[in-house]
Amino acid sequence: MIETIILIVLMIVVAAVLYYLVKEGMKLVINAAAGLVILYLINFFDLMSYIGGTAIPINWASVIICALGGVVGVVLLVILNLVGITV
């Protein structure tokens, strides 16, 4: 009887942890998509040339920065590009 109760409690904890991870994972996916769209638009319209920068490459490093930072990550990439640091 005790084993069954422990198993039920354990399954509830596992379900709660999985729900939290999926919810946070969706935030990362949405941030990455928004950041990549903004980066694509910056490169497509060549907006960096207006302020003295070069095109920002879309690679794994920029995707990770956009996923973790969202729009703030894109701003960070733009600032780093203007300073001359490429990712």
PDB file of N, CA and C in Angstrom:
ATOM      1  N   MET A   1       0.813  -1.190   0.000  1.00  0.00           N
ATOM      2  CA  MET A   1       0.000   0.000   0.000  1.00  0.00           C
ATOM      3  C   MET A   1       0.863   1.264   0.000  1.00  0.00           C
ATOM      4  N   ILE A   2       1.893   1.274   0.833  1.00  0.00           N
ATOM      5  CA  ILE A   2       2.786   2.428   0.908  1.00  0.00           C
ATOM      6  C   ILE A   2       3.520   2.607  -0.421  1.00  0.00           C
ATOM      7  N   GLU A   3       3.919   1.495  -1.053  1.00  0.00           N
ATOM      8  CA  GLU A   3       4.614   1.584  -2.328  1.00  0.00           C
ATOM      9  C   GLU A   3       3.751   2.249  -3.393  1.00  0.00           C
ATOM     10  N   THR A   4       2.480   1.956  -3.389  1.00  0.00           N
ATOM     11  CA  THR A   4       1.561   2.541  -4.354  1.00  0.00           C
ATOM     12  C   THR A   4       1.422   4.048  -4.136  1.00  0.00           C
ATOM     13  N   ILE A   5       1.326   4.467  -2.916  1.00  0.00           N
ATOM     14  CA  ILE A   5       1.210   5.886  -2.601  1.00  0.00           C
ATOM     15  C   ILE A   5       2.488   6.618  -2.990  1.00  0.00           C
ATOM     16  N   ILE A   6       3.636   6.027  -2.696  1.00  0.00           N
ATOM     17  CA  ILE A   6       4.924   6.637  -3.064  1.00  0.00           C
ATOM     18  C   ILE A   6       5.040   6.738  -4.579  1.00  0.00           C
ATOM     19  N   LEU A   7       4.613   5.707  -5.279  1.00  0.00           N
ATOM     20  CA  LEU A   7       4.666   5.718  -6.737  1.00  0.00           C
ATOM     21  C   LEU A   7       3.749   6.794  -7.320  1.00  0.00           C
ATOM     22  N   ILE A   8       2.566   6.962  -6.780  1.00  0.00           N
ATOM     23  CA  ILE A   8       1.645   7.992  -7.255  1.00  0.00           C
ATOM     24  C   ILE A   8       2.224   9.386  -7.016  1.00  0.00           C
ATOM     25  N   VAL A   9       2.778   9.609  -5.830  1.00  0.00           N
ATOM     26  CA  VAL A   9       3.396  10.908  -5.527  1.00  0.00           C
ATOM     27  C   VAL A   9       4.579  11.156  -6.454  1.00  0.00           C
ATOM     28  N   LEU A  10       5.377  10.145  -6.696  1.00  0.00           N
ATOM     29  CA  LEU A  10       6.526  10.278  -7.588  1.00  0.00           C
ATOM     30  C   LEU A  10       6.088  10.600  -9.010  1.00  0.00           C
ATOM     31  N   MET A  11       5.030   9.974  -9.483  1.00  0.00           N
ATOM     32  CA  MET A  11       4.532  10.247 -10.828  1.00  0.00           C
ATOM     33  C   MET A  11       3.972  11.670 -10.938  1.00  0.00           C
ATOM     34  N   ILE A  12       3.343  12.165  -9.883  1.00  0.00           N
ATOM     35  CA  ILE A  12       2.848  13.543  -9.888  1.00  0.00           C
ATOM     36  C   ILE A  12       4.015  14.521  -9.956  1.00  0.00           C
ATOM     37  N   VAL A  13       5.080  14.243  -9.230  1.00  0.00           N
ATOM     38  CA  VAL A  13       6.264  15.106  -9.265  1.00  0.00           C
ATOM     39  C   VAL A  13       6.899  15.079 -10.648  1.00  0.00           C
ATOM     40  N   VAL A  14       7.021  13.912 -11.249  1.00  0.00           N
ATOM     41  CA  VAL A  14       7.602  13.790 -12.591  1.00  0.00           C
ATOM     42  C   VAL A  14       6.740  14.540 -13.603  1.00  0.00           C
ATOM     43  N   ALA A  15       5.430  14.431 -13.506  1.00  0.00           N
ATOM     44  CA  ALA A  15       4.533  15.139 -14.421  1.00  0.00           C
ATOM     45  C   ALA A  15       4.670  16.648 -14.256  1.00  0.00           C
ATOM     46  N   ALA A  16       4.812  17.126 -13.037  1.00  0.00           N
ATOM     47  CA  ALA A  16       4.975  18.562 -12.807  1.00  0.00           C
ATOM     48  C   ALA A  16       6.293  19.058 -13.377  1.00  0.00           C
ATOM     49  N   VAL A  17       7.363  18.305 -13.216  1.00  0.00           N
ATOM     50  CA  VAL A  17       8.667  18.693 -13.755  1.00  0.00           C
ATOM     51  C   VAL A  17       8.629  18.705 -15.278  1.00  0.00           C
ATOM     52  N   LEU A  18       8.018  17.709 -15.890  1.00  0.00           N
ATOM     53  CA  LEU A  18       7.910  17.670 -17.353  1.00  0.00           C
ATOM     54  C   LEU A  18       7.072  18.834 -17.874  1.00  0.00           C
ATOM     55  N   TYR A  19       6.003  19.167 -17.190  1.00  0.00           N
ATOM     56  CA  TYR A  19       5.173  20.307 -17.599  1.00  0.00           C
ATOM     57  C   TYR A  19       5.982  21.598 -17.558  1.00  0.00           C
ATOM     58  N   TYR A  20       6.754  21.790 -16.498  1.00  0.00           N
ATOM     59  CA  TYR A  20       7.575  22.992 -16.365  1.00  0.00           C
ATOM     60  C   TYR A  20       8.618  23.057 -17.477  1.00  0.00           C
ATOM     61  N   LEU A  21       9.269  21.938 -17.783  1.00  0.00           N
ATOM     62  CA  LEU A  21      10.293  21.924 -18.824  1.00  0.00           C
ATOM     63  C   LEU A  21       9.711  22.203 -20.200  1.00  0.00           C
ATOM     64  N   VAL A  22       8.548  21.662 -20.487  1.00  0.00           N
ATOM     65  CA  VAL A  22       7.912  21.908 -21.783  1.00  0.00           C
ATOM     66  C   VAL A  22       7.495  23.366 -21.897  1.00  0.00           C
ATOM     67  N   LYS A  23       6.973  23.925 -20.812  1.00  0.00           N
ATOM     68  CA  LYS A  23       6.555  25.327 -20.822  1.00  0.00           C
ATOM     69  C   LYS A  23       7.758  26.247 -21.048  1.00  0.00           C
ATOM     70  N   GLU A  24       8.851  26.001 -20.373  1.00  0.00           N
ATOM     71  CA  GLU A  24      10.058  26.802 -20.554  1.00  0.00           C
ATOM     72  C   GLU A  24      10.672  26.560 -21.932  1.00  0.00           C
ATOM     73  N   GLY A  25      10.582  25.350 -22.425  1.00  0.00           N
ATOM     74  CA  GLY A  25      11.107  25.042 -23.754  1.00  0.00           C
ATOM     75  C   GLY A  25      10.347  25.789 -24.836  1.00  0.00           C
ATOM     76  N   MET A  26       9.051  25.942 -24.661  1.00  0.00           N
ATOM     77  CA  MET A  26       8.259  26.694 -25.634  1.00  0.00           C
ATOM     78  C   MET A  26       8.648  28.173 -25.632  1.00  0.00           C
ATOM     79  N   LYS A  27       8.979  28.715 -24.465  1.00  0.00           N
ATOM     80  CA  LYS A  27       9.448  30.100 -24.407  1.00  0.00           C
ATOM     81  C   LYS A  27      10.743  30.250 -25.203  1.00  0.00           C
ATOM     82  N   LEU A  28      11.652  29.287 -25.068  1.00  0.00           N
ATOM     83  CA  LEU A  28      12.904  29.338 -25.816  1.00  0.00           C
ATOM     84  C   LEU A  28      12.658  29.251 -27.317  1.00  0.00           C
ATOM     85  N   VAL A  29      11.741  28.401 -27.719  1.00  0.00           N
ATOM     86  CA  VAL A  29      11.438  28.263 -29.149  1.00  0.00           C
ATOM     87  C   VAL A  29      10.831  29.554 -29.696  1.00  0.00           C
ATOM     88  N   ILE A  30       9.927  30.163 -28.947  1.00  0.00           N
ATOM     89  CA  ILE A  30       9.312  31.418 -29.394  1.00  0.00           C
ATOM     90  C   ILE A  30      10.349  32.535 -29.446  1.00  0.00           C
ATOM     91  N   ASN A  31      11.219  32.617 -28.433  1.00  0.00           N
ATOM     92  CA  ASN A  31      12.283  33.624 -28.444  1.00  0.00           C
ATOM     93  C   ASN A  31      13.226  33.423 -29.614  1.00  0.00           C
ATOM     94  N   ALA A  32      13.594  32.172 -29.872  1.00  0.00           N
ATOM     95  CA  ALA A  32      14.509  31.896 -30.984  1.00  0.00           C
ATOM     96  C   ALA A  32      13.864  32.264 -32.317  1.00  0.00           C
ATOM     97  N   ALA A  33      12.591  31.936 -32.472  1.00  0.00           N
ATOM     98  CA  ALA A  33      11.905  32.260 -33.729  1.00  0.00           C
ATOM     99  C   ALA A  33      11.801  33.767 -33.920  1.00  0.00           C
ATOM    100  N   ALA A  34      11.441  34.488 -32.870  1.00  0.00           N
ATOM    101  CA  ALA A  34      11.329  35.946 -32.982  1.00  0.00           C
ATOM    102  C   ALA A  34      12.689  36.564 -33.275  1.00  0.00           C
ATOM    103  N   GLY A  35      13.712  36.101 -32.589  1.00  0.00           N
ATOM    104  CA  GLY A  35      15.053  36.624 -32.823  1.00  0.00           C
ATOM    105  C   GLY A  35      15.563  36.334 -34.221  1.00  0.00           C
ATOM    106  N   LEU A  36      15.300  35.128 -34.713  1.00  0.00           N
ATOM    107  CA  LEU A  36      15.749  34.780 -36.061  1.00  0.00           C
ATOM    108  C   LEU A  36      14.999  35.572 -37.126  1.00  0.00           C
ATOM    109  N   VAL A  37      13.714  35.818 -36.903  1.00  0.00           N
ATOM    110  CA  VAL A  37      12.956  36.638 -37.854  1.00  0.00           C
ATOM    111  C   VAL A  37      13.526  38.049 -37.889  1.00  0.00           C
ATOM    112  N   ILE A  38      13.822  38.609 -36.730  1.00  0.00           N
ATOM    113  CA  ILE A  38      14.392  39.956 -36.682  1.00  0.00           C
ATOM    114  C   ILE A  38      15.769  39.977 -37.341  1.00  0.00           C
ATOM    115  N   LEU A  39      16.601  38.966 -37.053  1.00  0.00           N
ATOM    116  CA  LEU A  39      17.920  38.902 -37.699  1.00  0.00           C
ATOM    117  C   LEU A  39      17.790  38.771 -39.213  1.00  0.00           C
ATOM    118  N   TYR A  40      16.845  37.942 -39.657  1.00  0.00           N
ATOM    119  CA  TYR A  40      16.635  37.784 -41.100  1.00  0.00           C
ATOM    120  C   TYR A  40      16.215  39.103 -41.728  1.00  0.00           C
ATOM    121  N   LEU A  41      15.310  39.822 -41.073  1.00  0.00           N
ATOM    122  CA  LEU A  41      14.862  41.106 -41.613  1.00  0.00           C
ATOM    123  C   LEU A  41      15.984  42.143 -41.626  1.00  0.00           C
ATOM    124  N   ILE A  42      16.827  42.122 -40.605  1.00  0.00           N
ATOM    125  CA  ILE A  42      17.983  43.033 -40.579  1.00  0.00           C
ATOM    126  C   ILE A  42      18.901  42.736 -41.751  1.00  0.00           C
ATOM    127  N   ASN A  43      19.152  41.455 -42.003  1.00  0.00           N
ATOM    128  CA  ASN A  43      20.029  41.089 -43.118  1.00  0.00           C
ATOM    129  C   ASN A  43      19.351  41.286 -44.466  1.00  0.00           C
ATOM    130  N   PHE A  44      18.060  41.005 -44.561  1.00  0.00           N
ATOM    131  CA  PHE A  44      17.340  41.112 -45.832  1.00  0.00           C
ATOM    132  C   PHE A  44      17.274  42.563 -46.308  1.00  0.00           C
ATOM    133  N   PHE A  45      16.966  43.470 -45.399  1.00  0.00           N
ATOM    134  CA  PHE A  45      16.874  44.876 -45.764  1.00  0.00           C
ATOM    135  C   PHE A  45      18.211  45.603 -45.640  1.00  0.00           C
ATOM    136  N   ASP A  46      19.269  44.873 -45.279  1.00  0.00           N
ATOM    137  CA  ASP A  46      20.631  45.409 -45.177  1.00  0.00           C
ATOM    138  C   ASP A  46      20.665  46.637 -44.263  1.00  0.00           C
ATOM    139  N   LEU A  47      20.025  46.526 -43.132  1.00  0.00           N
ATOM    140  CA  LEU A  47      19.933  47.646 -42.195  1.00  0.00           C
ATOM    141  C   LEU A  47      21.260  47.951 -41.506  1.00  0.00           C
ATOM    142  N   MET A  48      22.124  46.954 -41.389  1.00  0.00           N
ATOM    143  CA  MET A  48      23.403  47.184 -40.718  1.00  0.00           C
ATOM    144  C   MET A  48      24.307  48.115 -41.514  1.00  0.00           C
ATOM    145  N   SER A  49      24.160  48.151 -42.824  1.00  0.00           N
ATOM    146  CA  SER A  49      25.014  49.030 -43.630  1.00  0.00           C
ATOM    147  C   SER A  49      24.686  50.499 -43.385  1.00  0.00           C
ATOM    148  N   TYR A  50      23.462  50.792 -42.945  1.00  0.00           N
ATOM    149  CA  TYR A  50      23.088  52.172 -42.660  1.00  0.00           C
ATOM    150  C   TYR A  50      23.780  52.719 -41.415  1.00  0.00           C
ATOM    151  N   ILE A  51      24.129  51.828 -40.502  1.00  0.00           N
ATOM    152  CA  ILE A  51      24.777  52.284 -39.268  1.00  0.00           C
ATOM    153  C   ILE A  51      26.230  51.845 -39.184  1.00  0.00           C
ATOM    154  N   GLY A  52      26.791  51.406 -40.299  1.00  0.00           N
ATOM    155  CA  GLY A  52      28.216  51.126 -40.356  1.00  0.00           C
ATOM    156  C   GLY A  52      28.639  49.715 -40.000  1.00  0.00           C
ATOM    157  N   GLY A  53      27.744  48.770 -40.040  1.00  0.00           N
ATOM    158  CA  GLY A  53      28.089  47.392 -39.720  1.00  0.00           C
ATOM    159  C   GLY A  53      27.998  46.494 -40.939  1.00  0.00           C
ATOM    160  N   THR A  54      28.327  45.242 -40.730  1.00  0.00           N
ATOM    161  CA  THR A  54      28.212  44.241 -41.787  1.00  0.00           C
ATOM    162  C   THR A  54      27.029  43.325 -41.470  1.00  0.00           C
ATOM    163  N   ALA A  55      26.706  42.461 -42.399  1.00  0.00           N
ATOM    164  CA  ALA A  55      25.598  41.525 -42.185  1.00  0.00           C
ATOM    165  C   ALA A  55      25.927  40.591 -41.021  1.00  0.00           C
ATOM    166  N   ILE A  56      24.933  40.306 -40.218  1.00  0.00           N
ATOM    167  CA  ILE A  56      25.116  39.418 -39.073  1.00  0.00           C
ATOM    168  C   ILE A  56      24.830  37.999 -39.537  1.00  0.00           C
ATOM    169  N   PRO A  57      25.803  37.087 -39.417  1.00  0.00           N
ATOM    170  CA  PRO A  57      25.551  35.721 -39.871  1.00  0.00           C
ATOM    171  C   PRO A  57      24.568  35.000 -38.946  1.00  0.00           C
ATOM    172  N   ILE A  58      23.714  34.190 -39.546  1.00  0.00           N
ATOM    173  CA  ILE A  58      22.787  33.373 -38.759  1.00  0.00           C
ATOM    174  C   ILE A  58      23.409  31.987 -38.645  1.00  0.00           C
ATOM    175  N   ASN A  59      23.987  31.710 -37.475  1.00  0.00           N
ATOM    176  CA  ASN A  59      24.643  30.426 -37.215  1.00  0.00           C
ATOM    177  C   ASN A  59      24.204  29.937 -35.833  1.00  0.00           C
ATOM    178  N   TRP A  60      24.807  28.848 -35.383  1.00  0.00           N
ATOM    179  CA  TRP A  60      24.406  28.263 -34.108  1.00  0.00           C
ATOM    180  C   TRP A  60      24.592  29.230 -32.950  1.00  0.00           C
ATOM    181  N   ALA A  61      25.688  29.984 -32.967  1.00  0.00           N
ATOM    182  CA  ALA A  61      25.935  30.920 -31.869  1.00  0.00           C
ATOM    183  C   ALA A  61      24.868  32.009 -31.823  1.00  0.00           C
ATOM    184  N   SER A  62      24.510  32.556 -32.974  1.00  0.00           N
ATOM    185  CA  SER A  62      23.488  33.600 -32.983  1.00  0.00           C
ATOM    186  C   SER A  62      22.114  33.037 -32.620  1.00  0.00           C
ATOM    187  N   VAL A  63      21.835  31.804 -33.008  1.00  0.00           N
ATOM    188  CA  VAL A  63      20.560  31.173 -32.637  1.00  0.00           C
ATOM    189  C   VAL A  63      20.483  30.979 -31.128  1.00  0.00           C
ATOM    190  N   ILE A  64      21.574  30.541 -30.506  1.00  0.00           N
ATOM    191  CA  ILE A  64      21.588  30.335 -29.053  1.00  0.00           C
ATOM    192  C   ILE A  64      21.420  31.662 -28.329  1.00  0.00           C
ATOM    193  N   ILE A  65      22.109  32.704 -28.804  1.00  0.00           N
ATOM    194  CA  ILE A  65      21.982  34.018 -28.179  1.00  0.00           C
ATOM    195  C   ILE A  65      20.553  34.533 -28.320  1.00  0.00           C
ATOM    196  N   CYS A  66      19.951  34.335 -29.487  1.00  0.00           N
ATOM    197  CA  CYS A  66      18.560  34.769 -29.692  1.00  0.00           C
ATOM    198  C   CYS A  66      17.592  33.942 -28.856  1.00  0.00           C
ATOM    199  N   ALA A  67      17.862  32.661 -28.700  1.00  0.00           N
ATOM    200  CA  ALA A  67      16.971  31.804 -27.918  1.00  0.00           C
ATOM    201  C   ALA A  67      16.994  32.190 -26.447  1.00  0.00           C
ATOM    202  N   LEU A  68      18.159  32.500 -25.935  1.00  0.00           N
ATOM    203  CA  LEU A  68      18.258  32.852 -24.520  1.00  0.00           C
ATOM    204  C   LEU A  68      17.861  34.292 -24.248  1.00  0.00           C
ATOM    205  N   GLY A  69      18.142  35.188 -25.200  1.00  0.00           N
ATOM    206  CA  GLY A  69      17.893  36.598 -24.956  1.00  0.00           C
ATOM    207  C   GLY A  69      16.711  37.186 -25.678  1.00  0.00           C
ATOM    208  N   GLY A  70      16.215  36.507 -26.707  1.00  0.00           N
ATOM    209  CA  GLY A  70      15.105  37.045 -27.477  1.00  0.00           C
ATOM    210  C   GLY A  70      15.513  38.294 -28.239  1.00  0.00           C
ATOM    211  N   VAL A  71      14.678  39.314 -28.171  1.00  0.00           N
ATOM    212  CA  VAL A  71      14.958  40.566 -28.871  1.00  0.00           C
ATOM    213  C   VAL A  71      16.178  41.255 -28.257  1.00  0.00           C
ATOM    214  N   VAL A  72      16.351  41.113 -26.959  1.00  0.00           N
ATOM    215  CA  VAL A  72      17.532  41.672 -26.299  1.00  0.00           C
ATOM    216  C   VAL A  72      18.795  41.006 -26.834  1.00  0.00           C
ATOM    217  N   GLY A  73      18.725  39.723 -27.139  1.00  0.00           N
ATOM    218  CA  GLY A  73      19.859  39.019 -27.735  1.00  0.00           C
ATOM    219  C   GLY A  73      20.201  39.562 -29.110  1.00  0.00           C
ATOM    220  N   VAL A  74      19.182  39.921 -29.890  1.00  0.00           N
ATOM    221  CA  VAL A  74      19.415  40.512 -31.209  1.00  0.00           C
ATOM    222  C   VAL A  74      20.093  41.868 -31.062  1.00  0.00           C
ATOM    223  N   VAL A  75      19.644  42.659 -30.099  1.00  0.00           N
ATOM    224  CA  VAL A  75      20.273  43.955 -29.847  1.00  0.00           C
ATOM    225  C   VAL A  75      21.734  43.751 -29.439  1.00  0.00           C
ATOM    226  N   LEU A  76      21.993  42.751 -28.621  1.00  0.00           N
ATOM    227  CA  LEU A  76      23.374  42.436 -28.224  1.00  0.00           C
ATOM    228  C   LEU A  76      24.212  42.054 -29.436  1.00  0.00           C
ATOM    229  N   LEU A  77      23.659  41.243 -30.338  1.00  0.00           N
ATOM    230  CA  LEU A  77      24.388  40.867 -31.548  1.00  0.00           C
ATOM    231  C   LEU A  77      24.674  42.075 -32.434  1.00  0.00           C
ATOM    232  N   VAL A  78      23.727  42.993 -32.524  1.00  0.00           N
ATOM    233  CA  VAL A  78      23.926  44.201 -33.322  1.00  0.00           C
ATOM    234  C   VAL A  78      25.038  45.057 -32.720  1.00  0.00           C
ATOM    235  N   ILE A  79      25.003  45.228 -31.406  1.00  0.00           N
ATOM    236  CA  ILE A  79      26.035  46.025 -30.729  1.00  0.00           C
ATOM    237  C   ILE A  79      27.403  45.375 -30.901  1.00  0.00           C
ATOM    238  N   LEU A  80      27.472  44.062 -30.717  1.00  0.00           N
ATOM    239  CA  LEU A  80      28.756  43.365 -30.899  1.00  0.00           C
ATOM    240  C   LEU A  80      29.255  43.501 -32.330  1.00  0.00           C
ATOM    241  N   ASN A  81      28.358  43.458 -33.284  1.00  0.00           N
ATOM    242  CA  ASN A  81      28.748  43.607 -34.691  1.00  0.00           C
ATOM    243  C   ASN A  81      29.289  45.011 -34.952  1.00  0.00           C
ATOM    244  N   LEU A  82      28.657  46.019 -34.362  1.00  0.00           N
ATOM    245  CA  LEU A  82      29.113  47.388 -34.542  1.00  0.00           C
ATOM    246  C   LEU A  82      30.491  47.625 -33.917  1.00  0.00           C
ATOM    247  N   VAL A  83      30.750  46.931 -32.823  1.00  0.00           N
ATOM    248  CA  VAL A  83      32.052  47.065 -32.162  1.00  0.00           C
ATOM    249  C   VAL A  83      33.132  46.320 -32.936  1.00  0.00           C
ATOM    250  N   GLY A  84      32.717  45.348 -33.722  1.00  0.00           N
ATOM    251  CA  GLY A  84      33.662  44.582 -34.529  1.00  0.00           C
ATOM    252  C   GLY A  84      33.863  43.155 -34.074  1.00  0.00           C
ATOM    253  N   ILE A  85      33.072  42.727 -33.120  1.00  0.00           N
ATOM    254  CA  ILE A  85      33.155  41.357 -32.612  1.00  0.00           C
ATOM    255  C   ILE A  85      32.114  40.518 -33.342  1.00  0.00           C
ATOM    256  N   THR A  86      32.570  39.506 -34.066  1.00  0.00           N
ATOM    257  CA  THR A  86      31.628  38.634 -34.768  1.00  0.00           C
ATOM    258  C   THR A  86      31.430  37.358 -33.965  1.00  0.00           C
ATOM    259  N   VAL A  87      30.227  36.841 -34.039  1.00  0.00           N
ATOM    260  CA  VAL A  87      29.903  35.624 -33.300  1.00  0.00           C
ATOM    261  C   VAL A  87      29.877  34.467 -34.252  1.00  0.00           C
TER     262      VAL A  87
END
